[in-house]
Protein backbone atom coordinates (compact mmCIF):
# COMPACT_ATOMS: atom_id res chain seq x y z
CA MET A 1 -8.28 29.59 -0.57
CA ARG A 2 -5.25 29.68 1.70
CA PHE A 3 -1.66 29.82 0.40
CA CYS A 4 1.35 28.66 2.34
CA ARG A 5 4.03 31.15 3.25
CA LEU A 6 6.44 29.73 0.66
CA GLY A 7 3.87 29.61 -2.11
CA LEU A 8 4.35 25.87 -2.62
CA PHE A 9 0.82 24.80 -1.74
CA LYS A 10 -2.67 26.23 -1.53
CA TYR A 11 -5.67 24.86 0.36
CA ILE A 12 -8.83 24.47 -1.73
CA GLY A 13 -11.11 22.84 0.84
CA SER A 14 -13.16 19.63 0.67
CA PRO A 15 -13.54 16.96 -0.56
CA ALA A 16 -10.17 15.31 -1.08
CA GLN A 17 -9.11 15.53 -4.73
CA PHE A 18 -6.58 12.95 -5.87
CA ARG A 19 -6.09 14.24 -9.39
CA GLY A 20 -4.41 17.48 -10.33
CA SER A 21 -1.06 19.23 -10.27
CA GLY A 22 -0.31 18.38 -6.64
CA ASP A 23 0.00 22.01 -5.54
CA ALA A 24 -3.61 22.19 -4.33
CA ILE A 25 -4.22 20.66 -0.90
CA SER A 26 -7.68 19.32 -0.13
CA ALA A 27 -9.17 17.04 2.52
CA SER A 28 -12.03 14.70 3.41
CA PHE A 29 -12.97 13.74 6.94
CA VAL A 30 -14.38 11.03 9.20
CA LEU A 31 -15.88 12.10 12.52
CA THR A 32 -16.38 9.51 15.24
CA TYR A 33 -15.55 8.73 18.87
CA THR A 34 -12.90 6.61 20.49
CA VAL A 35 -12.83 4.78 23.82
CA GLY A 36 -14.39 6.80 26.62
CA GLY A 37 -16.47 8.94 24.26
CA GLU A 38 -13.56 11.15 23.22
CA PRO A 39 -14.06 12.70 19.77
CA MET A 40 -11.74 11.58 16.99
CA LYS A 41 -11.39 13.22 13.58
CA VAL A 42 -9.72 11.61 10.59
CA HIS A 43 -8.24 13.99 8.00
CA CYS A 44 -7.65 12.42 4.56
CA ILE A 45 -5.09 14.52 2.66
CA PRO A 46 -4.02 13.52 -0.88
CA GLY A 47 -0.23 13.31 -1.12
CA TYR A 48 1.97 13.00 -4.17
CA ILE A 49 0.43 9.66 -5.15
CA SER A 50 -1.10 8.26 -1.94
CA ALA A 51 -3.52 9.48 0.72
CA LEU A 52 -2.11 10.65 4.04
CA TYR A 53 -4.25 10.23 7.15
CA LEU A 54 -3.98 12.50 10.17
CA ILE A 55 -5.90 11.21 13.20
CA GLU A 56 -6.78 14.15 15.43
CA TYR A 57 -7.85 13.92 19.07
CA PRO A 58 -9.15 17.49 19.65
CA LYS A 59 -9.55 17.28 23.44
CA LYS A 60 -6.02 16.02 23.97
CA GLU A 61 -4.56 18.20 21.20
CA LYS A 62 -2.56 15.33 19.78
CA MET A 63 -2.29 13.75 16.33
CA LEU A 64 -1.32 10.43 14.81
CA LEU A 65 -0.07 10.18 11.20
CA LEU A 66 -0.80 6.97 9.26
CA ASP A 67 2.11 6.54 6.82
CA THR A 68 4.79 9.13 6.19
CA GLY A 69 4.30 9.22 2.42
CA PHE A 70 6.60 10.25 -0.42
CA PRO A 71 9.66 12.29 0.69
CA SER A 72 8.08 15.58 -0.45
CA ASP A 73 4.82 14.77 1.39
CA LEU A 74 6.41 15.85 4.66
CA GLU A 75 6.01 19.48 3.59
CA ARG A 76 2.38 18.83 2.60
CA ILE A 77 1.66 17.64 6.12
CA ARG A 78 3.59 20.55 7.60
CA PHE A 79 1.54 22.98 5.53
CA TYR A 80 -1.74 21.31 6.50
CA VAL A 81 -0.96 21.23 10.23
CA GLU A 82 0.69 24.64 10.53
CA GLU A 83 -1.31 26.66 8.00
CA VAL A 84 -4.70 25.01 7.40
CA MET A 85 -5.46 23.63 10.86
CA ASN A 86 -4.00 26.75 12.48
CA SER A 87 -5.91 29.26 10.36
CA ASP A 88 -8.42 30.21 13.07
CA LYS A 89 -6.05 30.01 16.04
CA VAL A 90 -3.83 32.54 17.72
CA GLY A 91 -0.13 31.78 17.72
CA LYS A 92 2.10 29.38 15.83
CA GLN A 93 1.28 25.66 15.70
CA ARG A 94 4.36 23.60 14.88
CA MET A 95 3.99 20.20 13.25
CA GLU A 96 6.67 18.81 15.55
CA ASP A 97 4.58 19.73 18.61
CA LYS A 98 1.25 18.41 17.31
CA ILE A 99 2.12 15.03 15.77
CA GLN A 100 3.12 12.66 18.57
CA LEU A 101 3.55 9.56 16.41
CA ALA A 102 3.83 8.57 12.76
CA VAL A 103 3.43 5.03 11.47
CA CYS A 104 5.16 3.51 8.44
CA THR A 105 3.19 0.46 7.27
CA HIS A 106 5.73 -0.85 4.75
CA SER A 107 8.89 0.02 2.91
CA HIS A 108 7.73 1.46 -0.43
CA VAL A 109 8.56 5.06 -1.22
CA ASP A 110 4.97 6.37 -1.15
CA HIS A 111 4.58 5.03 2.41
CA ALA A 112 8.07 5.18 3.95
CA GLY A 113 9.77 7.86 1.86
CA ALA A 114 9.57 10.62 4.48
CA SER A 115 10.17 8.44 7.56
CA ILE A 116 13.70 9.66 8.25
CA GLY A 117 12.49 13.24 7.78
CA TYR A 118 9.97 12.82 10.59
CA GLU A 119 12.59 11.23 12.82
CA ARG A 120 14.85 14.22 12.19
CA CYS A 121 11.96 16.43 13.31
CA GLY A 122 11.84 14.50 16.58
CA ILE A 123 8.64 12.58 15.72
CA PRO A 124 8.92 8.83 16.41
CA VAL A 125 8.01 6.55 13.52
CA ALA A 126 6.55 3.14 14.44
CA HIS A 127 7.20 0.46 11.84
CA PRO A 128 6.78 -3.28 11.19
CA LEU A 129 9.28 -5.87 12.29
CA ASN A 130 11.89 -6.68 9.64
CA ILE A 131 11.16 -3.60 7.52
CA ASN A 132 14.91 -2.99 7.25
CA GLU A 133 15.39 -6.40 5.62
CA TYR A 134 13.47 -5.42 2.49
CA TYR A 135 16.19 -3.39 0.78
CA LYS A 136 19.29 -5.49 1.29
CA GLY A 137 21.64 -7.15 -1.10
CA MET A 138 23.02 -6.40 -4.53
CA LYS A 139 19.68 -5.40 -6.09
CA SER A 140 18.47 -3.05 -3.34
CA SER A 141 19.39 0.29 -4.93
CA PHE A 142 18.16 -0.86 -8.33
CA ARG A 143 14.88 -1.97 -6.77
CA GLN A 144 14.43 1.47 -5.26
CA LEU A 145 15.10 3.17 -8.59
CA VAL A 146 12.50 0.94 -10.25
CA GLU A 147 9.97 1.85 -7.55
CA ILE A 148 10.69 5.57 -7.99
CA SER A 149 10.08 5.18 -11.74
CA LEU A 150 6.76 3.45 -11.05
CA THR A 151 5.83 6.27 -8.66
CA PHE A 152 6.48 8.88 -11.33
CA PHE A 153 4.40 6.81 -13.76
CA ALA A 154 1.50 6.74 -11.27
CA ALA A 155 1.93 10.47 -10.60
CA GLY A 156 1.58 11.16 -14.31
CA ARG A 157 -1.68 9.22 -14.43
CA LEU A 158 -2.95 11.41 -11.58
CA GLY A 159 -2.12 14.59 -13.48
CA ARG A 160 0.88 15.67 -11.43
CA LYS A 161 2.72 18.32 -13.42
CA LYS A 162 6.23 17.61 -12.16
CA HIS A 163 8.45 14.94 -10.69
CA GLU A 164 8.76 15.80 -7.01
CA ASN A 165 12.10 15.12 -5.35
CA ALA A 166 12.36 11.44 -4.40
CA PHE A 167 15.91 11.87 -3.09
CA LEU A 168 15.35 14.35 -0.25
CA PHE A 169 16.50 11.78 2.30
CA SER A 170 18.93 9.81 0.13
CA LYS A 171 22.27 8.62 1.52
CA GLY A 172 24.03 9.37 -1.75
CA LEU A 173 24.55 8.29 -5.32
CA LEU A 174 24.64 4.56 -4.51
CA GLY A 175 21.65 4.62 -2.18
CA PRO A 176 19.61 3.87 -0.30
CA TYR A 177 17.54 6.60 -1.96
CA TRP A 178 15.09 6.71 0.93
CA GLN A 179 15.77 5.25 4.33
CA MET A 180 13.70 3.05 6.58
CA PRO A 181 12.76 4.29 10.07
CA SER A 182 15.37 3.17 12.56
CA LYS A 183 14.53 4.48 16.02
CA GLY A 184 10.79 4.09 16.51
CA PRO A 185 8.74 1.30 18.11
CA LYS A 186 8.45 -1.99 16.23
CA LEU A 187 4.97 -3.34 15.47
CA ASP A 188 3.93 -6.98 15.19
CA ASP A 189 0.56 -8.63 14.68
CA GLY A 190 -1.81 -7.29 17.34
CA THR A 191 0.55 -4.66 18.74
CA PRO A 192 -1.30 -1.58 20.05
CA LEU A 193 0.21 1.70 18.94
CA PRO A 194 2.34 3.38 21.62
CA TYR A 195 2.44 6.96 22.98
CA GLY A 196 -1.22 7.06 23.97
CA PHE A 197 -2.65 5.72 20.69
CA ASP A 198 -3.43 2.24 21.99
CA ASP A 199 -6.97 2.46 20.59
CA TRP A 200 -5.30 1.54 17.26
CA VAL A 201 -3.81 -1.90 16.68
CA ALA A 202 -1.48 -3.29 14.00
CA ILE A 203 -2.53 -6.25 11.85
CA ARG A 204 0.06 -8.09 9.79
CA CYS A 205 -1.10 -8.35 6.17
CA PRO A 206 1.77 -9.88 4.16
CA GLY A 207 1.57 -10.38 0.43
CA HIS A 208 2.27 -6.99 -1.11
CA THR A 209 5.48 -7.19 0.94
CA SER A 210 6.51 -9.71 3.56
CA HIS A 211 6.24 -7.20 6.41
CA MET A 212 3.28 -4.92 5.61
CA ILE A 213 0.87 -4.03 8.41
CA CYS A 214 -2.55 -2.41 8.36
CA LEU A 215 -4.05 -0.41 11.24
CA TYR A 216 -7.41 -1.13 12.85
CA HIS A 217 -9.52 0.90 15.28
CA PRO A 218 -11.73 -1.72 16.98
CA HIS A 219 -13.95 0.75 18.87
CA SER A 220 -15.25 2.46 15.71
CA GLN A 221 -14.40 -0.29 13.17
CA LEU A 222 -12.23 2.02 11.10
CA PHE A 223 -9.56 0.21 9.08
CA TYR A 224 -6.53 1.75 7.38
CA ILE A 225 -5.70 -0.84 4.73
CA SER A 226 -2.44 0.69 3.46
CA ASP A 227 -1.72 -1.09 0.13
CA MET A 228 -3.83 -4.19 0.78
CA PHE A 229 -5.93 -3.16 -2.21
CA VAL A 230 -6.65 -0.09 -4.32
CA GLN A 231 -9.74 1.46 -5.85
CA THR A 232 -10.15 2.41 -9.50
CA LYS A 233 -13.17 3.31 -11.63
CA LYS A 234 -13.57 -0.40 -12.39
CA GLY A 235 -13.65 -1.61 -8.80
CA PHE A 236 -11.23 -2.83 -6.14
CA PHE A 237 -7.96 -4.45 -7.16
CA PRO A 238 -4.84 -5.90 -5.56
CA PRO A 239 -1.77 -3.67 -5.39
CA PHE A 240 0.96 -3.44 -7.98
CA THR A 241 2.84 -5.69 -7.26
CA VAL A 242 2.21 -8.75 -5.03
CA ASP A 243 5.41 -10.36 -3.73
CA SER A 244 3.77 -13.55 -2.44
CA THR A 245 0.47 -14.71 -3.96
CA LEU A 246 -0.02 -17.33 -1.25
CA ALA A 247 0.52 -14.84 1.57
CA TYR A 248 -1.72 -12.26 -0.11
CA ASN A 249 -4.60 -14.72 -0.52
CA ARG A 250 -4.21 -15.83 3.07
CA SER A 251 -4.26 -12.22 4.30
CA LEU A 252 -7.44 -11.48 2.32
CA HIS A 253 -9.12 -14.59 3.71
CA ARG A 254 -8.13 -13.65 7.25
CA LEU A 255 -9.55 -10.14 6.92
CA ARG A 256 -13.01 -11.54 6.19
CA GLY A 257 -13.43 -12.01 9.92
CA LEU A 258 -12.81 -8.35 10.69
CA PRO A 259 -15.87 -6.09 11.15
CA VAL A 260 -15.23 -2.93 9.12
CA ARG A 261 -17.59 0.01 8.67
CA CYS A 262 -15.20 2.46 7.06
CA ALA A 263 -12.02 1.67 5.09
CA LEU A 264 -9.22 4.21 4.71
CA LEU A 265 -7.45 3.52 1.42
CA ALA A 266 -4.01 4.77 0.52
CA HIS A 267 -5.27 4.78 -3.10
CA PHE A 268 -7.88 6.55 -3.19
CA GLY A 269 -9.45 7.80 0.01
CA ILE A 270 -12.33 7.00 2.35
CA ILE A 271 -14.83 4.19 1.69
CA ASP A 272 -18.19 3.74 3.40
CA VAL A 273 -18.14 -0.04 3.17
CA ASP A 274 -21.86 -0.76 3.33
CA ASP A 275 -22.73 2.07 0.96
CA LYS A 276 -20.06 1.15 -1.59
CA CYS A 277 -20.12 -2.66 -1.53
CA GLY A 278 -22.97 -3.77 0.70
CA SER A 279 -20.56 -5.40 3.12
CA TRP A 280 -16.88 -5.80 3.94
CA ASN A 281 -16.92 -9.37 2.62
CA GLY A 282 -18.48 -8.08 -0.60
CA LEU A 283 -15.57 -5.69 -1.03
CA ILE A 284 -13.05 -8.47 -0.47
CA ASP A 285 -14.94 -10.64 -2.97
CA ASP A 286 -14.40 -7.89 -5.56
CA VAL A 287 -10.65 -7.84 -4.82
CA VAL A 288 -10.41 -11.62 -5.04
CA TYR A 289 -12.30 -11.68 -8.35
CA ASN A 290 -10.04 -9.03 -9.88
CA PHE A 291 -6.96 -10.78 -8.53
CA THR A 292 -7.84 -14.09 -10.14
CA SER A 293 -9.59 -12.84 -13.29
CA PRO A 294 -7.57 -13.55 -16.48
CA THR A 295 -8.56 -10.16 -17.89
CA SER A 296 -7.03 -8.30 -14.97
CA ASN A 297 -3.96 -10.56 -14.70
CA GLY A 298 -3.91 -9.86 -10.97
CA SER A 299 -3.30 -6.14 -11.40
CA HIS A 300 -5.26 -2.95 -11.85
CA PHE A 301 -2.69 -1.98 -14.51
CA SER A 302 -4.17 -4.60 -16.85
CA THR A 303 -2.78 -2.96 -19.99
CA ILE A 304 0.79 -3.38 -18.82
CA SER A 305 0.73 -6.90 -17.42
CA SER A 306 4.02 -7.69 -19.14
CA MET A 307 5.57 -4.72 -17.37
CA LYS A 308 4.33 -6.15 -14.10
CA LYS A 309 6.20 -9.40 -14.70
CA MET A 310 9.40 -7.51 -15.46
CA VAL A 311 9.09 -5.30 -12.40
CA HIS A 312 8.31 -8.28 -10.16
CA THR A 313 11.55 -9.93 -11.29
CA PHE A 314 13.61 -7.03 -9.98
CA THR A 315 11.58 -5.83 -6.99
CA SER A 316 9.89 -8.83 -5.39
CA GLU A 317 11.10 -10.23 -2.11
CA LYS A 318 11.83 -13.94 -1.87
CA VAL A 319 10.63 -15.02 1.58
CA SER A 320 9.07 -18.32 2.62
CA PRO A 321 5.29 -17.99 3.09
CA ASP A 322 5.61 -20.15 6.20
CA VAL A 323 7.54 -17.32 7.81
CA ILE A 324 5.33 -14.40 6.86
CA ILE A 325 1.77 -15.73 7.11
CA PRO A 326 0.22 -14.93 10.52
CA SER A 327 -2.21 -17.17 12.39
CA ASN A 328 -5.94 -17.19 11.69
CA SER A 329 -7.22 -15.56 14.87
CA PHE A 330 -6.81 -11.87 15.63
CA PRO A 331 -4.67 -11.29 18.75
CA PHE A 332 -7.04 -8.62 20.07
CA LYS A 333 -10.69 -8.28 20.98
CA VAL A 334 -13.04 -7.79 18.04
CA GLU A 335 -16.15 -5.76 18.95
CA ASP A 336 -19.49 -7.55 18.54
CA GLY A 337 -21.11 -4.63 16.72
CA THR A 338 -23.28 -3.38 19.58
CA ASP A 339 -23.04 0.12 21.02
CA LEU A 340 -20.81 1.36 18.21
CA PRO A 341 -20.16 5.11 18.17
CA PRO A 342 -21.70 7.21 15.38
CA LEU A 343 -19.53 7.61 12.33
CA TYR A 344 -19.88 10.53 9.90
CA ILE A 345 -18.05 10.47 6.59
CA MET A 346 -17.54 13.87 4.96
CA ASN A 347 -16.31 12.79 1.55
CA LYS A 348 -18.51 14.75 -0.87
């Protein structure tokens, strides 16, 4: 067990544990290879309410962070990079020197909350087009307060003992209470990630929000789904909430054509697709069933469906589906499934 120098966190090893006080840091891993046979290691680290994914390229000594997380999650990542990953090395390893790029997939606080913090550390944050349009207008600050309340509710269900500071990067009493990335590269459908991470590509998946992207690694068929769906004990469900039902259904249908061996979920962790569901299409079938089932009311929080309707009134984005639904075909090459690199999931 390794404690951080400030006593805020302690490392308890593997596998990743998503329930608990939040002070204990754990991790699960995926080991595979990228283009050219270079090893690639995925670290899944539970954050305040969502999983944080560090993609490590050991030979090049560089890292990619998939989603910046809740504002306080920045210090979790700092602890993991500087204390846990540096435990058997000589000399100091600064987070700012190791992470070359972070990606923010959409605007919600558990995915974008620490974005400005990383930019202040000198780490560029790539983000979807139009992400800054999500919190505009008279209701924007109220929408953010509602989302923070929902985050604290979810944290309580996970056993978190305290409300971590959601206002670390706030602009003041009137908001915004967390800020969108402003300086990094913009990502559209099919855009390869910059700064040497072009083995990953962005896929637009609107529905949960108008601008959300997911991240796909064609060479290994790894897929970071962000908030496209979540896992509970009862199966796979759509996120809470869905801004556009039409766009969400279209995104799900489009993803059926994507070969996926391993899914990286923001809620909760790593999924071996064939082992868990038999196939990627089988997993999507489960999401579709739970989205349309009257008993689930389109949400994994089935017991508070009335709350969902109230929240949707104040937080949903009104955008024409014609604007936000991408085309059917993927604007990048999809591997045919031959000569795939080995993939080892260390999640137990």
